[in-house]
PDB file of all heavy atoms in Angstrom:
ATOM      1  N   GLU A   1       3.200 -13.499  -5.989  1.00  0.00           N
ATOM      2  CA  GLU A   1       3.929 -13.919  -4.782  1.00  0.00           C
ATOM      3  C   GLU A   1       3.023 -13.789  -3.573  1.00  0.00           C
ATOM      4  O   GLU A   1       1.941 -13.213  -3.665  1.00  0.00           O
ATOM      5  CB  GLU A   1       5.170 -13.030  -4.582  1.00  0.00           C
ATOM      6  CG  GLU A   1       6.077 -12.988  -5.791  1.00  0.00           C
ATOM      7  CD  GLU A   1       7.024 -11.798  -5.755  1.00  0.00           C
ATOM      8  OE1 GLU A   1       6.642 -10.719  -5.259  1.00  0.00           O
ATOM      9  OE2 GLU A   1       8.144 -11.952  -6.239  1.00  0.00           O
ATOM     10  N   LEU A   2       3.514 -14.259  -2.440  1.00  0.00           N
ATOM     11  CA  LEU A   2       2.790 -14.161  -1.179  1.00  0.00           C
ATOM     12  C   LEU A   2       2.434 -12.711  -0.863  1.00  0.00           C
ATOM     13  O   LEU A   2       1.368 -12.421  -0.321  1.00  0.00           O
ATOM     14  CB  LEU A   2       3.617 -14.771  -0.055  1.00  0.00           C
ATOM     15  CG  LEU A   2       2.990 -14.807   1.321  1.00  0.00           C
ATOM     16  CD1 LEU A   2       1.679 -15.564   1.311  1.00  0.00           C
ATOM     17  CD2 LEU A   2       3.953 -15.429   2.314  1.00  0.00           C
ATOM     18  N   THR A   3       3.302 -11.781  -1.209  1.00  0.00           N
ATOM     19  CA  THR A   3       3.045 -10.362  -0.926  1.00  0.00           C
ATOM     20  C   THR A   3       1.768  -9.871  -1.622  1.00  0.00           C
ATOM     21  O   THR A   3       1.126  -8.957  -1.108  1.00  0.00           O
ATOM     22  CB  THR A   3       4.240  -9.468  -1.338  1.00  0.00           C
ATOM     23  OG1 THR A   3       4.529  -9.724  -2.713  1.00  0.00           O
ATOM     24  CG2 THR A   3       5.448  -9.739  -0.483  1.00  0.00           C
ATOM     25  N   ASP A   4       1.384 -10.472  -2.736  1.00  0.00           N
ATOM     26  CA  ASP A   4       0.161 -10.072  -3.417  1.00  0.00           C
ATOM     27  C   ASP A   4      -1.072 -10.419  -2.574  1.00  0.00           C
ATOM     28  O   ASP A   4      -1.986  -9.616  -2.431  1.00  0.00           O
ATOM     29  CB  ASP A   4       0.064 -10.724  -4.793  1.00  0.00           C
ATOM     30  CG  ASP A   4       1.142 -10.247  -5.733  1.00  0.00           C
ATOM     31  OD1 ASP A   4       1.268  -9.020  -5.904  1.00  0.00           O
ATOM     32  OD2 ASP A   4       1.864 -11.085  -6.286  1.00  0.00           O
ATOM     33  N   ALA A   5      -1.074 -11.632  -1.989  1.00  0.00           N
ATOM     34  CA  ALA A   5      -2.185 -12.027  -1.111  1.00  0.00           C
ATOM     35  C   ALA A   5      -2.212 -11.184   0.149  1.00  0.00           C
ATOM     36  O   ALA A   5      -3.275 -10.756   0.603  1.00  0.00           O
ATOM     37  CB  ALA A   5      -2.060 -13.514  -0.781  1.00  0.00           C
ATOM     38  N   VAL A   6      -1.043 -10.916   0.716  1.00  0.00           N
ATOM     39  CA  VAL A   6      -0.957 -10.120   1.945  1.00  0.00           C
ATOM     40  C   VAL A   6      -1.436  -8.693   1.693  1.00  0.00           C
ATOM     41  O   VAL A   6      -2.198  -8.132   2.489  1.00  0.00           O
ATOM     42  CB  VAL A   6       0.486 -10.129   2.529  1.00  0.00           C
ATOM     43  CG1 VAL A   6       0.625  -9.141   3.664  1.00  0.00           C
ATOM     44  CG2 VAL A   6       0.872 -11.531   2.961  1.00  0.00           C
ATOM     45  N   LEU A   7      -1.056  -8.082   0.567  1.00  0.00           N
ATOM     46  CA  LEU A   7      -1.503  -6.755   0.242  1.00  0.00           C
ATOM     47  C   LEU A   7      -3.019  -6.703   0.142  1.00  0.00           C
ATOM     48  O   LEU A   7      -3.659  -5.794   0.696  1.00  0.00           O
ATOM     49  CB  LEU A   7      -0.873  -6.277  -1.075  1.00  0.00           C
ATOM     50  CG  LEU A   7      -1.179  -4.825  -1.465  1.00  0.00           C
ATOM     51  CD1 LEU A   7       0.026  -4.235  -2.219  1.00  0.00           C
ATOM     52  CD2 LEU A   7      -2.419  -4.682  -2.314  1.00  0.00           C
ATOM     53  N   LEU A   8      -3.617  -7.684  -0.509  1.00  0.00           N
ATOM     54  CA  LEU A   8      -5.072  -7.693  -0.675  1.00  0.00           C
ATOM     55  C   LEU A   8      -5.756  -7.893   0.675  1.00  0.00           C
ATOM     56  O   LEU A   8      -6.717  -7.208   0.999  1.00  0.00           O
ATOM     57  CB  LEU A   8      -5.494  -8.771  -1.682  1.00  0.00           C
ATOM     58  CG  LEU A   8      -6.973  -8.797  -2.037  1.00  0.00           C
ATOM     59  CD1 LEU A   8      -7.463  -7.433  -2.535  1.00  0.00           C
ATOM     60  CD2 LEU A   8      -7.242  -9.865  -3.089  1.00  0.00           C
ATOM     61  N   LEU A   9      -5.261  -8.831   1.487  1.00  0.00           N
ATOM     62  CA  LEU A   9      -5.817  -9.043   2.831  1.00  0.00           C
ATOM     63  C   LEU A   9      -5.733  -7.786   3.676  1.00  0.00           C
ATOM     64  O   LEU A   9      -6.687  -7.397   4.356  1.00  0.00           O
ATOM     65  CB  LEU A   9      -5.076 -10.176   3.544  1.00  0.00           C
ATOM     66  CG  LEU A   9      -5.534 -11.583   3.275  1.00  0.00           C
ATOM     67  CD1 LEU A   9      -4.579 -12.574   3.923  1.00  0.00           C
ATOM     68  CD2 LEU A   9      -6.961 -11.792   3.771  1.00  0.00           C
ATOM     69  N   ASN A  10      -4.584  -7.151   3.668  1.00  0.00           N
ATOM     70  CA  ASN A  10      -4.364  -5.932   4.439  1.00  0.00           C
ATOM     71  C   ASN A  10      -5.341  -4.832   3.993  1.00  0.00           C
ATOM     72  O   ASN A  10      -5.885  -4.091   4.816  1.00  0.00           O
ATOM     73  CB  ASN A  10      -2.910  -5.482   4.293  1.00  0.00           C
ATOM     74  CG  ASN A  10      -2.524  -4.375   5.247  1.00  0.00           C
ATOM     75  OD1 ASN A  10      -3.050  -4.280   6.354  1.00  0.00           O
ATOM     76  ND2 ASN A  10      -1.613  -3.538   4.818  1.00  0.00           N
ATOM     77  N   HIS A  11      -5.565  -4.738   2.698  1.00  0.00           N
ATOM     78  CA  HIS A  11      -6.472  -3.714   2.180  1.00  0.00           C
ATOM     79  C   HIS A  11      -7.922  -4.028   2.566  1.00  0.00           C
ATOM     80  O   HIS A  11      -8.675  -3.148   2.989  1.00  0.00           O
ATOM     81  CB  HIS A  11      -6.353  -3.608   0.662  1.00  0.00           C
ATOM     82  CG  HIS A  11      -7.306  -2.625   0.065  1.00  0.00           C
ATOM     83  ND1 HIS A  11      -7.248  -1.274   0.331  1.00  0.00           N
ATOM     84  CD2 HIS A  11      -8.357  -2.804  -0.755  1.00  0.00           C
ATOM     85  CE1 HIS A  11      -8.212  -0.668  -0.323  1.00  0.00           C
ATOM     86  NE2 HIS A  11      -8.902  -1.568  -0.980  1.00  0.00           N
ATOM     87  N   LEU A  12      -8.317  -5.288   2.437  1.00  0.00           N
ATOM     88  CA  LEU A  12      -9.696  -5.669   2.690  1.00  0.00           C
ATOM     89  C   LEU A  12     -10.092  -5.575   4.161  1.00  0.00           C
ATOM     90  O   LEU A  12     -11.200  -5.161   4.513  1.00  0.00           O
ATOM     91  CB  LEU A  12      -9.979  -7.089   2.188  1.00  0.00           C
ATOM     92  CG  LEU A  12      -9.939  -7.311   0.693  1.00  0.00           C
ATOM     93  CD1 LEU A  12     -10.025  -8.794   0.373  1.00  0.00           C
ATOM     94  CD2 LEU A  12     -11.052  -6.536  -0.009  1.00  0.00           C
ATOM     95  N   PHE A  13      -9.168  -5.981   5.060  1.00  0.00           N
ATOM     96  CA  PHE A  13      -9.533  -6.130   6.458  1.00  0.00           C
ATOM     97  C   PHE A  13      -8.887  -5.128   7.417  1.00  0.00           C
ATOM     98  O   PHE A  13      -9.292  -5.029   8.565  1.00  0.00           O
ATOM     99  CB  PHE A  13      -9.232  -7.551   6.936  1.00  0.00           C
ATOM    100  CG  PHE A  13     -10.075  -8.560   6.194  1.00  0.00           C
ATOM    101  CD1 PHE A  13      -9.504  -9.374   5.219  1.00  0.00           C
ATOM    102  CD2 PHE A  13     -11.423  -8.689   6.443  1.00  0.00           C
ATOM    103  CE1 PHE A  13     -10.274 -10.295   4.529  1.00  0.00           C
ATOM    104  CE2 PHE A  13     -12.197  -9.613   5.756  1.00  0.00           C
ATOM    105  CZ  PHE A  13     -11.617 -10.409   4.804  1.00  0.00           C
ATOM    106  N   ARG A  14      -7.866  -4.404   6.946  1.00  0.00           N
ATOM    107  CA  ARG A  14      -7.192  -3.469   7.853  1.00  0.00           C
ATOM    108  C   ARG A  14      -7.038  -2.065   7.233  1.00  0.00           C
ATOM    109  O   ARG A  14      -6.252  -1.278   7.707  1.00  0.00           O
ATOM    110  CB  ARG A  14      -5.830  -4.036   8.243  1.00  0.00           C
ATOM    111  CG  ARG A  14      -5.967  -5.393   8.959  1.00  0.00           C
ATOM    112  CD  ARG A  14      -4.682  -5.845   9.547  1.00  0.00           C
ATOM    113  NE  ARG A  14      -4.044  -4.854  10.359  1.00  0.00           N
ATOM    114  CZ  ARG A  14      -4.065  -4.827  11.688  1.00  0.00           C
ATOM    115  NH1 ARG A  14      -4.684  -5.738  12.339  1.00  0.00           N
ATOM    116  NH2 ARG A  14      -3.398  -3.889  12.337  1.00  0.00           N
ATOM    117  N   SER A  15      -7.753  -1.810   6.168  1.00  0.00           N
ATOM    118  CA  SER A  15      -7.710  -0.511   5.481  1.00  0.00           C
ATOM    119  C   SER A  15      -6.303  -0.131   5.042  1.00  0.00           C
ATOM    120  O   SER A  15      -5.936   1.036   5.070  1.00  0.00           O
ATOM    121  CB  SER A  15      -8.304   0.594   6.361  1.00  0.00           C
ATOM    122  OG  SER A  15      -9.648   0.298   6.678  1.00  0.00           O
ATOM    123  N   GLY A  16      -5.539  -1.123   4.636  1.00  0.00           N
ATOM    124  CA  GLY A  16      -4.186  -0.900   4.139  1.00  0.00           C
ATOM    125  C   GLY A  16      -4.218  -0.316   2.743  1.00  0.00           C
ATOM    126  O   GLY A  16      -5.286  -0.067   2.176  1.00  0.00           O
ATOM    127  N   PRO A  17      -3.036  -0.106   2.150  1.00  0.00           N
ATOM    128  CA  PRO A  17      -2.974   0.468   0.803  1.00  0.00           C
ATOM    129  C   PRO A  17      -3.719  -0.392  -0.221  1.00  0.00           C
ATOM    130  O   PRO A  17      -3.742  -1.612  -0.113  1.00  0.00           O
ATOM    131  CB  PRO A  17      -1.484   0.499   0.485  1.00  0.00           C
ATOM    132  CG  PRO A  17      -0.765  -0.051   1.654  1.00  0.00           C
ATOM    133  CD  PRO A  17      -1.757  -0.449   2.677  1.00  0.00           C
ATOM    134  N   ALA A  18      -4.305   0.262  -1.191  1.00  0.00           N
ATOM    135  CA  ALA A  18      -5.063  -0.409  -2.239  1.00  0.00           C
ATOM    136  C   ALA A  18      -4.122  -1.069  -3.234  1.00  0.00           C
ATOM    137  O   ALA A  18      -2.957  -0.644  -3.391  1.00  0.00           O
ATOM    138  CB  ALA A  18      -5.938   0.593  -2.966  1.00  0.00           C
ATOM    139  N   PRO A  19      -4.613  -2.090  -3.933  1.00  0.00           N
ATOM    140  CA  PRO A  19      -3.819  -2.637  -5.046  1.00  0.00           C
ATOM    141  C   PRO A  19      -3.527  -1.534  -6.063  1.00  0.00           C
ATOM    142  O   PRO A  19      -4.231  -0.531  -6.131  1.00  0.00           O
ATOM    143  CB  PRO A  19      -4.750  -3.698  -5.645  1.00  0.00           C
ATOM    144  CG  PRO A  19      -5.651  -4.081  -4.514  1.00  0.00           C
ATOM    145  CD  PRO A  19      -5.857  -2.813  -3.730  1.00  0.00           C
ATOM    146  N   ARG A  20      -2.499  -1.761  -6.858  1.00  0.00           N
ATOM    147  CA  ARG A  20      -2.143  -0.770  -7.910  1.00  0.00           C
ATOM    148  C   ARG A  20      -3.240  -0.712  -8.958  1.00  0.00           C
ATOM    149  O   ARG A  20      -4.081  -1.595  -9.040  1.00  0.00           O
ATOM    150  CB  ARG A  20      -0.808  -1.137  -8.535  1.00  0.00           C
ATOM    151  CG  ARG A  20       0.291  -1.014  -7.487  1.00  0.00           C
ATOM    152  CD  ARG A  20       1.678  -0.802  -7.989  1.00  0.00           C
ATOM    153  NE  ARG A  20       1.871  -0.211  -9.287  1.00  0.00           N
ATOM    154  CZ  ARG A  20       2.273   1.050  -9.477  1.00  0.00           C
ATOM    155  NH1 ARG A  20       2.514   1.832  -8.463  1.00  0.00           N
ATOM    156  NH2 ARG A  20       2.454   1.486 -10.701  1.00  0.00           N
ATOM    157  N   LEU A  21      -3.227   0.324  -9.769  1.00  0.00           N
ATOM    158  CA  LEU A  21      -4.228   0.474 -10.829  1.00  0.00           C
ATOM    159  C   LEU A  21      -4.129  -0.650 -11.844  1.00  0.00           C
ATOM    160  O   LEU A  21      -3.031  -1.140 -12.090  1.00  0.00           O
ATOM    161  CB  LEU A  21      -4.028   1.831 -11.519  1.00  0.00           C
ATOM    162  CG  LEU A  21      -4.271   3.049 -10.636  1.00  0.00           C
ATOM    163  CD1 LEU A  21      -3.927   4.324 -11.412  1.00  0.00           C
ATOM    164  CD2 LEU A  21      -5.699   3.108 -10.142  1.00  0.00           C
ATOM    165  N   PRO A  22      -5.193  -1.093 -12.433  1.00  0.00           N
ATOM    166  CA  PRO A  22      -6.546  -0.558 -12.306  1.00  0.00           C
ATOM    167  C   PRO A  22      -7.275  -1.079 -11.061  1.00  0.00           C
ATOM    168  O   PRO A  22      -7.457  -2.276 -10.915  1.00  0.00           O
ATOM    169  CB  PRO A  22      -7.234  -1.044 -13.587  1.00  0.00           C
ATOM    170  CG  PRO A  22      -6.514  -2.282 -13.958  1.00  0.00           C
ATOM    171  CD  PRO A  22      -5.116  -2.106 -13.476  1.00  0.00           C
ATOM    172  N   TYR A  23      -7.632  -0.174 -10.202  1.00  0.00           N
ATOM    173  CA  TYR A  23      -8.379  -0.452  -8.992  1.00  0.00           C
ATOM    174  C   TYR A  23      -8.950   0.863  -8.510  1.00  0.00           C
ATOM    175  O   TYR A  23      -8.259   1.869  -8.586  1.00  0.00           O
ATOM    176  CB  TYR A  23      -7.459  -1.047  -7.900  1.00  0.00           C
ATOM    177  CG  TYR A  23      -8.221  -1.366  -6.633  1.00  0.00           C
ATOM    178  CD1 TYR A  23      -8.801  -2.601  -6.463  1.00  0.00           C
ATOM    179  CD2 TYR A  23      -8.379  -0.408  -5.643  1.00  0.00           C
ATOM    180  CE1 TYR A  23      -9.518  -2.884  -5.312  1.00  0.00           C
ATOM    181  CE2 TYR A  23      -9.095  -0.695  -4.489  1.00  0.00           C
ATOM    182  CZ  TYR A  23      -9.663  -1.918  -4.328  1.00  0.00           C
ATOM    183  OH  TYR A  23     -10.375  -2.218  -3.199  1.00  0.00           O
ATOM    184  N   PRO A  24     -10.147   0.967  -8.063  1.00  0.00           N
ATOM    185  CA  PRO A  24     -11.164  -0.067  -7.876  1.00  0.00           C
ATOM    186  C   PRO A  24     -12.044  -0.287  -9.102  1.00  0.00           C
ATOM    187  O   PRO A  24     -12.859  -1.196  -9.121  1.00  0.00           O
ATOM    188  CB  PRO A  24     -12.000   0.505  -6.741  1.00  0.00           C
ATOM    189  CG  PRO A  24     -11.973   1.973  -6.936  1.00  0.00           C
ATOM    190  CD  PRO A  24     -10.574   2.242  -7.481  1.00  0.00           C
ATOM    191  N   MET A  25     -11.854   0.527 -10.129  1.00  0.00           N
ATOM    192  CA  MET A  25     -12.662   0.365 -11.355  1.00  0.00           C
ATOM    193  C   MET A  25     -11.860  -0.437 -12.385  1.00  0.00           C
ATOM    194  O   MET A  25     -10.641  -0.391 -12.383  1.00  0.00           O
ATOM    195  CB  MET A  25     -13.008   1.756 -11.921  1.00  0.00           C
ATOM    196  CG  MET A  25     -13.831   2.618 -10.987  1.00  0.00           C
ATOM    197  SD  MET A  25     -15.397   1.871 -10.500  1.00  0.00           S
ATOM    198  CE  MET A  25     -16.235   1.765 -12.061  1.00  0.00           C
ATOM    199  N   PRO A  26     -12.571  -1.141 -13.267  1.00  0.00           N
ATOM    200  CA  PRO A  26     -11.868  -1.914 -14.294  1.00  0.00           C
ATOM    201  C   PRO A  26     -11.032  -1.008 -15.201  1.00  0.00           C
ATOM    202  O   PRO A  26     -11.368   0.141 -15.427  1.00  0.00           O
ATOM    203  CB  PRO A  26     -13.004  -2.556 -15.109  1.00  0.00           C
ATOM    204  CG  PRO A  26     -14.186  -2.529 -14.203  1.00  0.00           C
ATOM    205  CD  PRO A  26     -14.025  -1.307 -13.341  1.00  0.00           C
TER     206      PRO A  26
END
């Protein structure tokens, strides 16, 4: 959903919460 893109953008550019596991390692 759109929230998936927003979560990733927020994390990459505004230090928002990270995606759920597995992250940041495979």
